[in-house]
Every structure is written in C-alpha cells, then in structure tokens.
C-alpha cells in the first residue's frame, strides 16, 4: 500500500478536514453572492431560488418537507413560498396525505425561471476547466457527504 492509499492518522485527518471547512465557508459565501447577482436577472431572491430548485429536483413538496431538506425554519421557507406564490412561480396543490399542509408545485413561470437560472449557473461551472477528474470530484462529494452526515440533520424551528 502506498502513501496515498492508506488512511490518514486521526490528528492528521482532523487537520486536513479543518482545511476543508476553511475552504467551504468562503466558497459558500462567494457562491451565495454570485447566485444573488445572477438571480437578480430573474428578480429572484436566494431563498426563492432555493425553493424553486427543490421543487424542480424533487417535484411537489410541503413547506415542512422543504424546510427539513434545506435545514431552514418552516417560517422562513413559508415566507419564500408566499413570495414565489405571489409572483406566480409556484402554486398550492391538494395533498392527499395531509389536508392542512398543501403540496407546493412549480408553476410554468417558475419552471421557466429556475431553468434559466440553472442554465446560467452551469455555464459558470463549465469554466472550471478540464483539469479535474471524475475521481477527484467523486472524492470531494464523498468527503463533503460524510461531513454533512457527521453534522447531523440540524433540525431548525
């Protein structure tokens, strides 16, 4: 087994994971600023964009489901849904599983808006270049997924 194939010792691993966190925070904040700049073209806030993206990826969901998926308070997600509803981006639908908690689904205008936003974001990500390999991206996803698991589900309310 060579040096790169063996696992890191506990202290060494801790230090390396600290390096990951030191990069993830600024990456998240810079990405959020970039998204805010880009979604302003569509007139969307970051919160409404997140709701539209969830519905685009997962189909109709309740507000509590969206809040859990994003580790946000139901009240905040409800405000974002209300904003999106007022703008004709989402619409309530009957929920056979729960009469008092409607499903929220994308309206056609919301589908158009989130598709445009995602297309622009993917265009930016294409600029990363071809020097990253599938193996490196898989490793990154594995590490970040494990860290997310470690932090728990982070219920917010």
C-alpha atoms as a PDB file:
ATOM      1  CA  UNK A   1       0.000   0.000   0.000  1.00  0.00           C
ATOM      2  CA  UNK A   2       1.492   3.342  -0.949  1.00  0.00           C
ATOM      3  CA  UNK A   3       1.266   6.647   0.948  1.00  0.00           C
ATOM      4  CA  UNK A   4      -1.835   7.894  -0.899  1.00  0.00           C
ATOM      5  CA  UNK A   5      -3.773   4.636  -0.462  1.00  0.00           C
ATOM      6  CA  UNK A   6      -3.598   4.405   3.316  1.00  0.00           C
ATOM      7  CA  UNK A   7      -5.970   6.257   5.600  1.00  0.00           C
ATOM      8  CA  UNK A   8      -4.757   9.302   7.468  1.00  0.00           C
ATOM      9  CA  UNK A   9      -3.997   9.126  11.185  1.00  0.00           C
ATOM     10  CA  UNK A  10      -6.638  10.720  13.375  1.00  0.00           C
ATOM     11  CA  UNK A  11      -4.812  14.006  14.096  1.00  0.00           C
ATOM     12  CA  UNK A  12      -3.637  14.357  10.509  1.00  0.00           C
ATOM     13  CA  UNK A  13      -7.160  13.686   9.245  1.00  0.00           C
ATOM     14  CA  UNK A  14      -8.559  16.257  11.670  1.00  0.00           C
ATOM     15  CA  UNK A  15      -6.151  18.889  10.363  1.00  0.00           C
ATOM     16  CA  UNK A  16      -6.967  18.069   6.731  1.00  0.00           C
ATOM     17  CA  UNK A  17     -10.716  18.240   7.412  1.00  0.00           C
ATOM     18  CA  UNK A  18     -10.163  21.618   9.070  1.00  0.00           C
ATOM     19  CA  UNK A  19      -8.645  22.731   5.751  1.00  0.00           C
ATOM     20  CA  UNK A  20     -11.831  21.554   4.012  1.00  0.00           C
ATOM     21  CA  UNK A  21     -14.013  23.621   6.373  1.00  0.00           C
ATOM     22  CA  UNK A  22     -11.716  26.609   5.894  1.00  0.00           C
ATOM     23  CA  UNK A  23     -12.487  26.430   2.158  1.00  0.00           C
ATOM     24  CA  UNK A  24     -16.168  25.508   2.327  1.00  0.00           C
ATOM     25  CA  UNK A  25     -17.205  28.620   4.287  1.00  0.00           C
ATOM     26  CA  UNK A  26     -15.746  31.173   1.843  1.00  0.00           C
ATOM     27  CA  UNK A  27     -16.880  29.051  -1.112  1.00  0.00           C
ATOM     28  CA  UNK A  28     -20.447  29.037   0.231  1.00  0.00           C
ATOM     29  CA  UNK A  29     -20.455  32.816   0.838  1.00  0.00           C
ATOM     30  CA  UNK A  30     -18.943  33.626  -2.559  1.00  0.00           C
ATOM     31  CA  UNK A  31     -21.372  31.279  -4.270  1.00  0.00           C
ATOM     32  CA  UNK A  32     -24.298  32.875  -2.459  1.00  0.00           C
ATOM     33  CA  UNK A  33     -23.167  36.343  -3.587  1.00  0.00           C
ATOM     34  CA  UNK A  34     -22.769  35.093  -7.162  1.00  0.00           C
ATOM     35  CA  UNK A  35     -26.227  33.471  -7.087  1.00  0.00           C
ATOM     36  CA  UNK A  36     -27.702  36.708  -5.695  1.00  0.00           C
ATOM     37  CA  UNK A  37     -26.171  38.634  -8.592  1.00  0.00           C
ATOM     38  CA  UNK A  38     -27.335  36.092 -11.159  1.00  0.00           C
ATOM     39  CA  UNK A  39     -30.859  35.554  -9.866  1.00  0.00           C
ATOM     40  CA  UNK A  40     -31.450  39.279  -9.758  1.00  0.00           C
ATOM     41  CA  UNK A  41     -31.692  38.981 -13.553  1.00  0.00           C
ATOM     42  CA  UNK A  42     -34.810  36.861 -12.938  1.00  0.00           C
ATOM     43  CA  UNK A  43     -35.840  39.005  -9.969  1.00  0.00           C
ATOM     44  CA  UNK A  44     -35.447  36.089  -7.540  1.00  0.00           C
ATOM     45  CA  UNK A  45     -34.018  36.107  -4.043  1.00  0.00           C
ATOM     46  CA  UNK A  46     -31.631  33.347  -2.999  1.00  0.00           C
ATOM     47  CA  UNK A  47     -34.410  31.895  -0.813  1.00  0.00           C
ATOM     48  CA  UNK A  48     -36.973  31.785  -3.617  1.00  0.00           C
ATOM     49  CA  UNK A  49     -34.334  30.318  -5.931  1.00  0.00           C
ATOM     50  CA  UNK A  50     -33.724  27.549  -3.372  1.00  0.00           C
ATOM     51  CA  UNK A  51     -37.458  26.751  -3.187  1.00  0.00           C
ATOM     52  CA  UNK A  52     -37.751  26.657  -6.971  1.00  0.00           C
ATOM     53  CA  UNK A  53     -34.699  24.420  -7.241  1.00  0.00           C
ATOM     54  CA  UNK A  54     -36.047  21.961  -4.643  1.00  0.00           C
ATOM     55  CA  UNK A  55     -39.347  21.708  -6.490  1.00  0.00           C
ATOM     56  CA  UNK A  56     -37.513  21.379  -9.815  1.00  0.00           C
ATOM     57  CA  UNK A  57     -35.410  18.490  -8.441  1.00  0.00           C
ATOM     58  CA  UNK A  58     -37.969  16.687  -6.284  1.00  0.00           C
ATOM     59  CA  UNK A  59     -41.401  17.646  -7.555  1.00  0.00           C
ATOM     60  CA  UNK A  60     -44.208  18.919  -5.319  1.00  0.00           C
ATOM     61  CA  UNK A  61     -43.355  19.175  -1.623  1.00  0.00           C
ATOM     62  CA  UNK A  62     -44.901  20.605   1.513  1.00  0.00           C
ATOM     63  CA  UNK A  63     -43.345  23.590   3.275  1.00  0.00           C
ATOM     64  CA  UNK A  64     -42.208  21.382   6.207  1.00  0.00           C
ATOM     65  CA  UNK A  65     -40.554  18.957   3.765  1.00  0.00           C
ATOM     66  CA  UNK A  66     -38.724  21.825   2.063  1.00  0.00           C
ATOM     67  CA  UNK A  67     -37.636  23.245   5.429  1.00  0.00           C
ATOM     68  CA  UNK A  68     -36.218  19.885   6.532  1.00  0.00           C
ATOM     69  CA  UNK A  69     -34.446  19.356   3.202  1.00  0.00           C
ATOM     70  CA  UNK A  70     -32.736  22.751   3.487  1.00  0.00           C
ATOM     71  CA  UNK A  71     -32.249  22.757   7.263  1.00  0.00           C
ATOM     72  CA  UNK A  72     -34.177  26.017   7.480  1.00  0.00           C
ATOM     73  CA  UNK A  73     -37.077  27.116   9.645  1.00  0.00           C
ATOM     74  CA  UNK A  74     -40.566  26.442   8.327  1.00  0.00           C
ATOM     75  CA  UNK A  75     -41.373  30.104   8.861  1.00  0.00           C
ATOM     76  CA  UNK A  76     -38.554  31.239   6.563  1.00  0.00           C
ATOM     77  CA  UNK A  77     -39.478  28.702   3.878  1.00  0.00           C
ATOM     78  CA  UNK A  78     -43.138  29.735   4.185  1.00  0.00           C
ATOM     79  CA  UNK A  79     -42.150  33.363   3.522  1.00  0.00           C
ATOM     80  CA  UNK A  80     -40.190  32.290   0.437  1.00  0.00           C
ATOM     81  CA  UNK A  81     -43.139  30.175  -0.772  1.00  0.00           C
ATOM     82  CA  UNK A  82     -45.516  33.093  -0.167  1.00  0.00           C
ATOM     83  CA  UNK A  83     -43.243  35.372  -2.212  1.00  0.00           C
ATOM     84  CA  UNK A  84     -42.996  32.796  -5.006  1.00  0.00           C
ATOM     85  CA  UNK A  85     -46.774  32.254  -4.954  1.00  0.00           C
ATOM     86  CA  UNK A  86     -47.480  35.990  -5.179  1.00  0.00           C
ATOM     87  CA  UNK A  87     -45.188  36.160  -8.211  1.00  0.00           C
ATOM     88  CA  UNK A  88     -46.886  33.208  -9.928  1.00  0.00           C
ATOM     89  CA  UNK A  89     -43.801  30.970  -9.674  1.00  0.00           C
ATOM     90  CA  UNK A  90     -45.375  28.243  -7.514  1.00  0.00           C
ATOM     91  CA  UNK A  91     -48.884  27.159  -6.682  1.00  0.00           C
ATOM     92  CA  UNK A  92     -50.510  25.073  -3.962  1.00  0.00           C
ATOM     93  CA  UNK A  93     -51.930  21.675  -4.820  1.00  0.00           C
ATOM     94  CA  UNK A  94     -54.059  19.311  -2.755  1.00  0.00           C
ATOM     95  CA  UNK A  95     -52.095  16.959  -0.539  1.00  0.00           C
ATOM     96  CA  UNK A  96     -53.853  13.602  -0.194  1.00  0.00           C
ATOM     97  CA  UNK A  97     -51.645  12.753   2.794  1.00  0.00           C
ATOM     98  CA  UNK A  98     -52.399  15.904   4.787  1.00  0.00           C
ATOM     99  CA  UNK A  99     -55.373  18.207   4.261  1.00  0.00           C
ATOM    100  CA  UNK A 100     -53.880  21.202   6.123  1.00  0.00           C
ATOM    101  CA  UNK A 101     -50.424  21.101   4.536  1.00  0.00           C
ATOM    102  CA  UNK A 102     -50.771  21.562   0.780  1.00  0.00           C
ATOM    103  CA  UNK A 103     -48.182  20.425  -1.674  1.00  0.00           C
ATOM    104  CA  UNK A 104     -46.363  23.271  -3.389  1.00  0.00           C
ATOM    105  CA  UNK A 105     -45.551  22.771  -7.056  1.00  0.00           C
ATOM    106  CA  UNK A 106     -43.801  24.771  -9.731  1.00  0.00           C
ATOM    107  CA  UNK A 107     -45.998  26.901 -11.942  1.00  0.00           C
ATOM    108  CA  UNK A 108     -44.927  27.212 -15.575  1.00  0.00           C
ATOM    109  CA  UNK A 109     -43.409  30.649 -14.909  1.00  0.00           C
ATOM    110  CA  UNK A 110     -41.392  29.163 -12.020  1.00  0.00           C
ATOM    111  CA  UNK A 111     -40.180  26.300 -14.201  1.00  0.00           C
ATOM    112  CA  UNK A 112     -39.019  28.810 -16.824  1.00  0.00           C
ATOM    113  CA  UNK A 113     -37.277  30.982 -14.210  1.00  0.00           C
ATOM    114  CA  UNK A 114     -35.407  28.155 -12.452  1.00  0.00           C
ATOM    115  CA  UNK A 115     -34.364  26.610 -15.770  1.00  0.00           C
ATOM    116  CA  UNK A 116     -32.841  29.934 -16.846  1.00  0.00           C
ATOM    117  CA  UNK A 117     -31.032  30.325 -13.508  1.00  0.00           C
ATOM    118  CA  UNK A 118     -29.674  26.760 -13.582  1.00  0.00           C
ATOM    119  CA  UNK A 119     -28.515  27.167 -17.184  1.00  0.00           C
ATOM    120  CA  UNK A 120     -26.553  30.300 -16.204  1.00  0.00           C
ATOM    121  CA  UNK A 121     -25.061  28.590 -13.145  1.00  0.00           C
ATOM    122  CA  UNK A 122     -23.963  25.588 -15.214  1.00  0.00           C
ATOM    123  CA  UNK A 123     -22.324  27.927 -17.714  1.00  0.00           C
ATOM    124  CA  UNK A 124     -20.246  29.376 -14.862  1.00  0.00           C
ATOM    125  CA  UNK A 125     -19.325  25.892 -13.597  1.00  0.00           C
ATOM    126  CA  UNK A 126     -18.137  24.915 -17.081  1.00  0.00           C
ATOM    127  CA  UNK A 127     -15.381  27.494 -16.621  1.00  0.00           C
ATOM    128  CA  UNK A 128     -13.711  25.273 -14.008  1.00  0.00           C
ATOM    129  CA  UNK A 129     -11.875  23.608 -16.862  1.00  0.00           C
ATOM    130  CA  UNK A 130     -10.882  20.077 -17.649  1.00  0.00           C
ATOM    131  CA  UNK A 131      -8.111  19.635 -15.097  1.00  0.00           C
ATOM    132  CA  UNK A 132     -10.442  17.993 -12.553  1.00  0.00           C
ATOM    133  CA  UNK A 133     -11.029  14.272 -12.920  1.00  0.00           C
ATOM    134  CA  UNK A 134     -14.157  12.281 -12.164  1.00  0.00           C
ATOM    135  CA  UNK A 135     -12.200  10.546  -9.401  1.00  0.00           C
ATOM    136  CA  UNK A 136     -11.371  13.885  -7.758  1.00  0.00           C
ATOM    137  CA  UNK A 137     -14.965  15.084  -7.933  1.00  0.00           C
ATOM    138  CA  UNK A 138     -16.201  11.730  -6.567  1.00  0.00           C
ATOM    139  CA  UNK A 139     -13.734  12.025  -3.676  1.00  0.00           C
ATOM    140  CA  UNK A 140     -14.871  15.590  -2.971  1.00  0.00           C
ATOM    141  CA  UNK A 141     -18.524  14.532  -2.950  1.00  0.00           C
ATOM    142  CA  UNK A 142     -17.734  11.593  -0.662  1.00  0.00           C
ATOM    143  CA  UNK A 143     -15.858  13.781   1.844  1.00  0.00           C
ATOM    144  CA  UNK A 144     -18.494  16.532   1.880  1.00  0.00           C
ATOM    145  CA  UNK A 145     -21.303  13.970   2.214  1.00  0.00           C
ATOM    146  CA  UNK A 146     -19.547  12.354   5.200  1.00  0.00           C
ATOM    147  CA  UNK A 147     -19.059  15.749   6.843  1.00  0.00           C
ATOM    148  CA  UNK A 148     -22.716  16.567   6.291  1.00  0.00           C
ATOM    149  CA  UNK A 149     -23.691  13.247   7.916  1.00  0.00           C
ATOM    150  CA  UNK A 150     -21.365  13.993  10.845  1.00  0.00           C
ATOM    151  CA  UNK A 151     -23.089  17.320  11.468  1.00  0.00           C
ATOM    152  CA  UNK A 152     -26.464  15.573  11.776  1.00  0.00           C
ATOM    153  CA  UNK A 153     -29.775  16.668  10.345  1.00  0.00           C
ATOM    154  CA  UNK A 154     -29.696  20.061  12.066  1.00  0.00           C
ATOM    155  CA  UNK A 155     -33.434  20.395  12.708  1.00  0.00           C
ATOM    156  CA  UNK A 156     -34.405  24.056  12.691  1.00  0.00           C
ATOM    157  CA  UNK A 157     -37.618  25.508  14.096  1.00  0.00           C
END
